[in-house]
């Protein structure tokens, strides 16, 4: 039976997480930090439940993450779908709408933790927040 190829690739690669944030919302610093934290934790929980060996490797490597910006909801949802289509765990965050923005607004999403090279293929055109 052997080891699945995706496990082999992750075993030999650096694991990281990317958080993609909409820049058109112009969130306050505190709100932005909260949304990014929600995305990071949601992504970690998803990977921990589905791929615990990947989550453990990410923990052991120092939980590397990068926060990137994207122009608007349409572009964000397209990239979110691309991540899902490639099989990389992704977690979309919707705001409760109690402070700065309307309830249910999609603010950001996480990709991974996963093979950093695979994440880079999806996010290489994005700029740091």
Foldseek 3Di string as FASTA:
>chain_A
DDDDPQVVLQVPFQFAKEKEFAPVLVDDPVVVVVQSVVQLVVQLVVCCVVPVVLSVSCVVNPHHYFYWYDHDDVVQVVLQVVLVVVVFDKAWDFDCCPPRDHGRHTTMMMTHSGGPVVVCVSPVVTDGD
